[in-house]
Amino acid sequence: MQTLLALTTDVDPTAAAAAGTGGFISGVIGYLIAAFALFGAFKKAGEPAWAAFVPVYNSIVLLKIAGKPWWWFLLALIPIVNIVVWIIVAIELSKSFGHGTGFAVGLIFLSIIFLFVLSYDGNPYVGPGGVRQQVPAAA
């Protein structure tokens, strides 16, 4: 019994530190890739582009662009419900930039790739959920 305990607790601290550091760096790189994908979409939609780099706020801004209320973020914290919320947001986000259902399917299954396409293609931001915003007439 003592031998088993000794084998399970004998960890090389250098290897553990390297694994932790590698995981942290990978996480930061992944987060930056996702933030740059959102950066262009926020810029196109007239929202502050820096918001793409702020963890919770970027989700709230993304909901605003898609035409959904901020409290949907709270729904996204509930398991299973978050899947339904993301599907609806992807469909509305696709409409917001003048794309159709096929593009929404791409956003659902290949999010990062399609967010980059959404951010940097030629389609302009139409409005929340694809509804054009009324510009007030100048007096």
N, C-alpha and C. Protein backbone atom coordinates (compact mmCIF):
# COMPACT_ATOMS: atom_id res chain seq x y z
N MET A 1 0.82 -1.19 0.00
CA MET A 1 0.00 0.00 0.00
C MET A 1 0.86 1.26 0.00
N GLN A 2 1.97 1.21 0.74
CA GLN A 2 2.85 2.37 0.78
C GLN A 2 3.51 2.60 -0.57
N THR A 3 3.82 1.56 -1.29
CA THR A 3 4.45 1.69 -2.61
C THR A 3 3.51 2.39 -3.58
N LEU A 4 2.24 2.03 -3.58
CA LEU A 4 1.26 2.65 -4.45
C LEU A 4 1.13 4.14 -4.13
N LEU A 5 1.09 4.48 -2.88
CA LEU A 5 0.99 5.86 -2.47
C LEU A 5 2.22 6.65 -2.92
N ALA A 6 3.38 6.06 -2.80
CA ALA A 6 4.61 6.72 -3.21
C ALA A 6 4.64 6.95 -4.72
N LEU A 7 4.11 6.02 -5.49
CA LEU A 7 4.10 6.17 -6.94
C LEU A 7 3.14 7.25 -7.40
N THR A 8 2.02 7.40 -6.74
CA THR A 8 1.03 8.37 -7.17
C THR A 8 1.37 9.79 -6.73
N THR A 9 2.22 9.96 -5.74
CA THR A 9 2.55 11.31 -5.27
C THR A 9 3.92 11.77 -5.74
N ASP A 10 4.65 10.94 -6.43
CA ASP A 10 5.99 11.31 -6.90
C ASP A 10 5.86 11.99 -8.26
N VAL A 11 5.77 13.33 -8.24
CA VAL A 11 5.60 14.11 -9.46
C VAL A 11 6.80 15.01 -9.64
N ASP A 12 7.32 15.06 -10.84
CA ASP A 12 8.45 15.93 -11.14
C ASP A 12 7.95 17.38 -11.18
N PRO A 13 8.38 18.25 -10.29
CA PRO A 13 7.89 19.63 -10.26
C PRO A 13 8.21 20.41 -11.53
N THR A 14 9.31 20.09 -12.17
CA THR A 14 9.68 20.79 -13.41
C THR A 14 8.68 20.45 -14.51
N ALA A 15 8.32 19.19 -14.61
CA ALA A 15 7.35 18.78 -15.63
C ALA A 15 5.98 19.39 -15.35
N ALA A 16 5.59 19.45 -14.09
CA ALA A 16 4.31 20.04 -13.73
C ALA A 16 4.30 21.53 -14.06
N ALA A 17 5.39 22.22 -13.77
CA ALA A 17 5.47 23.65 -14.07
C ALA A 17 5.44 23.89 -15.58
N ALA A 18 6.13 23.06 -16.32
CA ALA A 18 6.15 23.19 -17.79
C ALA A 18 4.76 22.95 -18.36
N ALA A 19 4.05 21.95 -17.85
CA ALA A 19 2.70 21.67 -18.33
C ALA A 19 1.75 22.81 -17.99
N GLY A 20 1.87 23.36 -16.80
CA GLY A 20 1.04 24.48 -16.41
C GLY A 20 1.30 25.72 -17.24
N THR A 21 2.58 26.00 -17.48
CA THR A 21 2.95 27.16 -18.29
C THR A 21 2.48 26.99 -19.73
N GLY A 22 2.65 25.79 -20.27
CA GLY A 22 2.20 25.52 -21.63
C GLY A 22 0.70 25.65 -21.76
N GLY A 23 -0.03 25.17 -20.77
CA GLY A 23 -1.48 25.29 -20.78
C GLY A 23 -1.92 26.74 -20.71
N PHE A 24 -1.25 27.53 -19.87
CA PHE A 24 -1.57 28.95 -19.74
C PHE A 24 -1.33 29.70 -21.04
N ILE A 25 -0.18 29.46 -21.65
CA ILE A 25 0.17 30.14 -22.91
C ILE A 25 -0.82 29.74 -24.00
N SER A 26 -1.17 28.47 -24.07
CA SER A 26 -2.14 28.01 -25.07
C SER A 26 -3.50 28.67 -24.85
N GLY A 27 -3.91 28.81 -23.60
CA GLY A 27 -5.17 29.47 -23.29
C GLY A 27 -5.17 30.93 -23.70
N VAL A 28 -4.07 31.63 -23.44
CA VAL A 28 -3.98 33.04 -23.82
C VAL A 28 -4.02 33.19 -25.33
N ILE A 29 -3.30 32.34 -26.05
CA ILE A 29 -3.30 32.40 -27.52
C ILE A 29 -4.71 32.12 -28.06
N GLY A 30 -5.39 31.11 -27.51
CA GLY A 30 -6.76 30.81 -27.93
C GLY A 30 -7.70 31.97 -27.67
N TYR A 31 -7.56 32.61 -26.51
CA TYR A 31 -8.41 33.75 -26.17
C TYR A 31 -8.16 34.92 -27.13
N LEU A 32 -6.89 35.17 -27.45
CA LEU A 32 -6.57 36.27 -28.37
C LEU A 32 -7.11 36.01 -29.77
N ILE A 33 -7.05 34.76 -30.22
CA ILE A 33 -7.61 34.43 -31.54
C ILE A 33 -9.10 34.72 -31.56
N ALA A 34 -9.81 34.30 -30.52
CA ALA A 34 -11.25 34.56 -30.43
C ALA A 34 -11.54 36.05 -30.33
N ALA A 35 -10.74 36.78 -29.57
CA ALA A 35 -10.95 38.22 -29.41
C ALA A 35 -10.73 38.96 -30.72
N PHE A 36 -9.72 38.56 -31.50
CA PHE A 36 -9.51 39.22 -32.79
C PHE A 36 -10.62 38.88 -33.77
N ALA A 37 -11.25 37.71 -33.63
CA ALA A 37 -12.40 37.37 -34.47
C ALA A 37 -13.57 38.29 -34.14
N LEU A 38 -13.77 38.59 -32.87
CA LEU A 38 -14.85 39.49 -32.46
C LEU A 38 -14.52 40.96 -32.73
N PHE A 39 -13.24 41.29 -32.72
CA PHE A 39 -12.77 42.67 -32.90
C PHE A 39 -13.37 43.30 -34.16
N GLY A 40 -13.25 42.60 -35.27
CA GLY A 40 -13.75 43.14 -36.54
C GLY A 40 -15.27 43.27 -36.56
N ALA A 41 -15.96 42.31 -35.96
CA ALA A 41 -17.43 42.37 -35.92
C ALA A 41 -17.89 43.55 -35.08
N PHE A 42 -17.23 43.78 -33.96
CA PHE A 42 -17.59 44.91 -33.11
C PHE A 42 -17.35 46.23 -33.84
N LYS A 43 -16.23 46.30 -34.54
CA LYS A 43 -15.88 47.51 -35.28
C LYS A 43 -16.91 47.78 -36.37
N LYS A 44 -17.29 46.74 -37.10
CA LYS A 44 -18.30 46.87 -38.16
C LYS A 44 -19.64 47.33 -37.61
N ALA A 45 -20.00 46.84 -36.43
CA ALA A 45 -21.30 47.15 -35.84
C ALA A 45 -21.32 48.48 -35.11
N GLY A 46 -20.19 49.18 -35.09
CA GLY A 46 -20.15 50.48 -34.43
C GLY A 46 -20.01 50.40 -32.92
N GLU A 47 -19.63 49.25 -32.44
CA GLU A 47 -19.39 49.08 -31.00
C GLU A 47 -17.90 49.30 -30.73
N PRO A 48 -17.52 49.59 -29.48
CA PRO A 48 -16.09 49.78 -29.20
C PRO A 48 -15.32 48.47 -29.45
N ALA A 49 -14.30 48.54 -30.30
CA ALA A 49 -13.55 47.35 -30.68
C ALA A 49 -12.78 46.77 -29.49
N TRP A 50 -12.37 47.60 -28.54
CA TRP A 50 -11.64 47.10 -27.36
C TRP A 50 -12.49 46.15 -26.54
N ALA A 51 -13.81 46.24 -26.67
CA ALA A 51 -14.71 45.37 -25.90
C ALA A 51 -14.51 43.90 -26.24
N ALA A 52 -13.95 43.61 -27.40
CA ALA A 52 -13.70 42.21 -27.79
C ALA A 52 -12.72 41.53 -26.86
N PHE A 53 -11.89 42.30 -26.17
CA PHE A 53 -10.85 41.74 -25.31
C PHE A 53 -11.26 41.66 -23.83
N VAL A 54 -12.46 42.13 -23.49
CA VAL A 54 -12.92 42.11 -22.10
C VAL A 54 -13.85 40.91 -21.91
N PRO A 55 -13.48 39.93 -21.07
CA PRO A 55 -14.16 38.64 -21.02
C PRO A 55 -15.68 38.61 -20.94
N VAL A 56 -16.33 39.18 -20.00
CA VAL A 56 -17.79 39.06 -19.91
C VAL A 56 -18.47 40.11 -20.78
N TYR A 57 -17.89 41.28 -20.81
CA TYR A 57 -18.48 42.39 -21.57
C TYR A 57 -18.58 42.05 -23.06
N ASN A 58 -17.61 41.29 -23.61
CA ASN A 58 -17.67 40.96 -25.03
C ASN A 58 -18.90 40.11 -25.36
N SER A 59 -19.31 39.26 -24.44
CA SER A 59 -20.52 38.46 -24.65
C SER A 59 -21.77 39.34 -24.65
N ILE A 60 -21.79 40.32 -23.76
CA ILE A 60 -22.94 41.22 -23.68
C ILE A 60 -23.03 42.08 -24.93
N VAL A 61 -21.89 42.56 -25.43
CA VAL A 61 -21.88 43.34 -26.67
C VAL A 61 -22.30 42.48 -27.85
N LEU A 62 -21.85 41.24 -27.89
CA LEU A 62 -22.24 40.32 -28.96
C LEU A 62 -23.76 40.10 -28.95
N LEU A 63 -24.34 39.97 -27.77
CA LEU A 63 -25.79 39.84 -27.65
C LEU A 63 -26.49 41.10 -28.17
N LYS A 64 -25.94 42.26 -27.87
CA LYS A 64 -26.51 43.53 -28.34
C LYS A 64 -26.49 43.60 -29.86
N ILE A 65 -25.37 43.19 -30.46
CA ILE A 65 -25.25 43.20 -31.91
C ILE A 65 -26.28 42.26 -32.54
N ALA A 66 -26.52 41.12 -31.89
CA ALA A 66 -27.49 40.14 -32.39
C ALA A 66 -28.93 40.54 -32.09
N GLY A 67 -29.13 41.60 -31.31
CA GLY A 67 -30.47 42.08 -31.00
C GLY A 67 -31.13 41.37 -29.83
N LYS A 68 -30.33 40.81 -28.94
CA LYS A 68 -30.85 40.12 -27.77
C LYS A 68 -30.53 40.92 -26.52
N PRO A 69 -31.37 40.81 -25.47
CA PRO A 69 -31.13 41.57 -24.24
C PRO A 69 -29.92 41.03 -23.47
N TRP A 70 -29.35 41.88 -22.63
CA TRP A 70 -28.13 41.53 -21.88
C TRP A 70 -28.35 40.34 -20.96
N TRP A 71 -29.56 40.18 -20.44
CA TRP A 71 -29.80 39.12 -19.46
C TRP A 71 -29.74 37.73 -20.08
N TRP A 72 -29.67 37.63 -21.41
CA TRP A 72 -29.45 36.33 -22.05
C TRP A 72 -28.08 35.77 -21.65
N PHE A 73 -27.18 36.65 -21.26
CA PHE A 73 -25.88 36.19 -20.76
C PHE A 73 -26.09 35.28 -19.54
N LEU A 74 -27.03 35.61 -18.69
CA LEU A 74 -27.33 34.79 -17.52
C LEU A 74 -27.91 33.43 -17.95
N LEU A 75 -28.72 33.43 -18.99
CA LEU A 75 -29.23 32.16 -19.53
C LEU A 75 -28.09 31.29 -20.06
N ALA A 76 -27.07 31.94 -20.62
CA ALA A 76 -25.94 31.21 -21.18
C ALA A 76 -25.10 30.53 -20.11
N LEU A 77 -25.32 30.85 -18.86
CA LEU A 77 -24.59 30.21 -17.77
C LEU A 77 -25.25 28.91 -17.32
N ILE A 78 -26.45 28.64 -17.83
CA ILE A 78 -27.20 27.44 -17.43
C ILE A 78 -26.87 26.32 -18.41
N PRO A 79 -26.41 25.16 -17.91
CA PRO A 79 -26.10 24.05 -18.81
C PRO A 79 -27.32 23.65 -19.65
N ILE A 80 -27.09 23.22 -20.84
CA ILE A 80 -28.06 22.83 -21.87
C ILE A 80 -28.75 24.07 -22.45
N VAL A 81 -29.22 24.98 -21.61
CA VAL A 81 -29.84 26.21 -22.09
C VAL A 81 -28.83 27.01 -22.90
N ASN A 82 -27.55 26.97 -22.48
CA ASN A 82 -26.52 27.73 -23.19
C ASN A 82 -26.37 27.29 -24.64
N ILE A 83 -26.63 26.03 -24.92
CA ILE A 83 -26.55 25.54 -26.31
C ILE A 83 -27.65 26.19 -27.15
N VAL A 84 -28.86 26.21 -26.60
CA VAL A 84 -29.99 26.82 -27.30
C VAL A 84 -29.75 28.32 -27.49
N VAL A 85 -29.24 28.98 -26.46
CA VAL A 85 -28.95 30.42 -26.54
C VAL A 85 -27.93 30.68 -27.64
N TRP A 86 -26.84 29.89 -27.69
CA TRP A 86 -25.81 30.10 -28.70
C TRP A 86 -26.36 29.89 -30.10
N ILE A 87 -27.22 28.89 -30.30
CA ILE A 87 -27.80 28.64 -31.63
C ILE A 87 -28.65 29.83 -32.06
N ILE A 88 -29.48 30.34 -31.16
CA ILE A 88 -30.32 31.50 -31.49
C ILE A 88 -29.47 32.72 -31.77
N VAL A 89 -28.45 32.95 -30.96
CA VAL A 89 -27.57 34.11 -31.15
C VAL A 89 -26.82 33.98 -32.47
N ALA A 90 -26.36 32.79 -32.82
CA ALA A 90 -25.66 32.59 -34.09
C ALA A 90 -26.56 32.91 -35.27
N ILE A 91 -27.81 32.48 -35.21
CA ILE A 91 -28.76 32.77 -36.30
C ILE A 91 -29.00 34.27 -36.41
N GLU A 92 -29.22 34.93 -35.28
CA GLU A 92 -29.46 36.38 -35.30
C GLU A 92 -28.22 37.17 -35.69
N LEU A 93 -27.06 36.69 -35.27
CA LEU A 93 -25.80 37.34 -35.64
C LEU A 93 -25.59 37.26 -37.15
N SER A 94 -25.90 36.11 -37.72
CA SER A 94 -25.79 35.93 -39.15
C SER A 94 -26.71 36.92 -39.88
N LYS A 95 -27.93 37.06 -39.41
CA LYS A 95 -28.88 38.01 -40.01
C LYS A 95 -28.38 39.45 -39.84
N SER A 96 -27.76 39.74 -38.70
CA SER A 96 -27.30 41.10 -38.41
C SER A 96 -26.27 41.59 -39.41
N PHE A 97 -25.57 40.67 -40.03
CA PHE A 97 -24.55 41.04 -41.01
C PHE A 97 -24.96 40.67 -42.43
N GLY A 98 -26.25 40.43 -42.64
CA GLY A 98 -26.78 40.19 -43.97
C GLY A 98 -26.53 38.80 -44.53
N HIS A 99 -26.23 37.84 -43.69
CA HIS A 99 -26.02 36.46 -44.14
C HIS A 99 -27.29 35.65 -43.85
N GLY A 100 -27.31 34.43 -44.37
CA GLY A 100 -28.48 33.58 -44.20
C GLY A 100 -28.28 32.43 -43.24
N THR A 101 -29.16 31.45 -43.37
CA THR A 101 -29.17 30.30 -42.48
C THR A 101 -27.92 29.45 -42.63
N GLY A 102 -27.44 29.28 -43.85
CA GLY A 102 -26.23 28.48 -44.07
C GLY A 102 -25.03 29.05 -43.32
N PHE A 103 -24.92 30.37 -43.31
CA PHE A 103 -23.83 31.01 -42.58
C PHE A 103 -24.01 30.80 -41.08
N ALA A 104 -25.27 30.82 -40.62
CA ALA A 104 -25.54 30.58 -39.20
C ALA A 104 -25.11 29.17 -38.81
N VAL A 105 -25.33 28.20 -39.67
CA VAL A 105 -24.88 26.82 -39.41
C VAL A 105 -23.36 26.80 -39.29
N GLY A 106 -22.68 27.55 -40.15
CA GLY A 106 -21.22 27.65 -40.06
C GLY A 106 -20.79 28.27 -38.74
N LEU A 107 -21.50 29.31 -38.30
CA LEU A 107 -21.19 29.94 -37.00
C LEU A 107 -21.37 28.96 -35.85
N ILE A 108 -22.35 28.09 -35.96
CA ILE A 108 -22.62 27.14 -34.89
C ILE A 108 -21.53 26.07 -34.81
N PHE A 109 -21.12 25.53 -35.97
CA PHE A 109 -20.20 24.40 -35.96
C PHE A 109 -18.73 24.76 -36.13
N LEU A 110 -18.44 25.87 -36.78
CA LEU A 110 -17.05 26.31 -36.98
C LEU A 110 -16.96 27.79 -36.58
N SER A 111 -17.24 28.05 -35.32
CA SER A 111 -17.41 29.42 -34.83
C SER A 111 -16.26 30.36 -35.15
N ILE A 112 -15.04 29.98 -34.81
CA ILE A 112 -13.90 30.89 -34.97
C ILE A 112 -13.72 31.26 -36.45
N ILE A 113 -13.77 30.27 -37.33
CA ILE A 113 -13.57 30.52 -38.76
C ILE A 113 -14.65 31.47 -39.28
N PHE A 114 -15.90 31.18 -38.95
CA PHE A 114 -16.99 32.00 -39.47
C PHE A 114 -17.05 33.37 -38.79
N LEU A 115 -16.59 33.49 -37.55
CA LEU A 115 -16.50 34.82 -36.94
C LEU A 115 -15.46 35.68 -37.65
N PHE A 116 -14.35 35.07 -38.07
CA PHE A 116 -13.36 35.81 -38.85
C PHE A 116 -13.95 36.24 -40.19
N VAL A 117 -14.67 35.35 -40.85
CA VAL A 117 -15.31 35.70 -42.13
C VAL A 117 -16.31 36.82 -41.91
N LEU A 118 -17.13 36.70 -40.88
CA LEU A 118 -18.13 37.71 -40.55
C LEU A 118 -17.47 39.07 -40.30
N SER A 119 -16.35 39.03 -39.59
CA SER A 119 -15.67 40.27 -39.21
C SER A 119 -14.97 40.97 -40.37
N TYR A 120 -14.43 40.19 -41.28
CA TYR A 120 -13.55 40.81 -42.28
C TYR A 120 -14.02 40.63 -43.71
N ASP A 121 -15.28 40.19 -43.94
CA ASP A 121 -15.78 40.13 -45.31
C ASP A 121 -16.38 41.49 -45.68
N GLY A 122 -16.94 41.59 -46.87
CA GLY A 122 -17.44 42.86 -47.36
C GLY A 122 -18.85 43.21 -46.91
N ASN A 123 -19.56 42.28 -46.28
CA ASN A 123 -20.93 42.56 -45.88
C ASN A 123 -20.96 43.57 -44.73
N PRO A 124 -21.79 44.61 -44.85
CA PRO A 124 -21.89 45.59 -43.76
C PRO A 124 -22.82 45.09 -42.67
N TYR A 125 -22.75 45.75 -41.54
CA TYR A 125 -23.67 45.47 -40.44
C TYR A 125 -25.02 46.05 -40.80
N VAL A 126 -26.05 45.22 -40.80
CA VAL A 126 -27.40 45.65 -41.17
C VAL A 126 -28.10 46.25 -39.96
N GLY A 127 -28.06 45.57 -38.86
CA GLY A 127 -28.73 46.01 -37.65
C GLY A 127 -29.00 44.80 -36.79
N PRO A 128 -29.41 45.01 -35.54
CA PRO A 128 -29.67 43.87 -34.65
C PRO A 128 -30.70 42.91 -35.24
N GLY A 129 -30.32 41.67 -35.39
CA GLY A 129 -31.22 40.66 -35.92
C GLY A 129 -31.58 40.85 -37.37
N GLY A 130 -30.83 41.67 -38.10
CA GLY A 130 -31.09 41.89 -39.52
C GLY A 130 -32.11 42.97 -39.81
N VAL A 131 -32.54 43.70 -38.80
CA VAL A 131 -33.52 44.78 -38.98
C VAL A 131 -32.75 46.09 -39.13
N ARG A 132 -32.93 46.73 -40.28
CA ARG A 132 -32.25 48.01 -40.53
C ARG A 132 -32.72 49.07 -39.54
N GLN A 133 -31.75 49.81 -39.03
CA GLN A 133 -32.07 50.86 -38.06
C GLN A 133 -32.52 52.11 -38.80
N GLN A 134 -33.54 52.76 -38.25
CA GLN A 134 -34.02 54.00 -38.82
C GLN A 134 -33.09 55.14 -38.40
N VAL A 135 -32.61 55.86 -39.38
CA VAL A 135 -31.74 56.99 -39.09
C VAL A 135 -32.64 58.22 -38.99
N PRO A 136 -32.59 58.93 -37.84
CA PRO A 136 -33.46 60.10 -37.70
C PRO A 136 -33.12 61.17 -38.73
N ALA A 137 -34.14 61.77 -39.27
CA ALA A 137 -33.95 62.82 -40.29
C ALA A 137 -33.38 64.07 -39.63
N ALA A 138 -32.45 64.68 -40.34
CA ALA A 138 -31.83 65.91 -39.82
C ALA A 138 -32.84 67.04 -39.88
N ALA A 139 -32.91 67.82 -38.82
CA ALA A 139 -33.89 68.92 -38.78
C ALA A 139 -33.32 70.17 -39.36
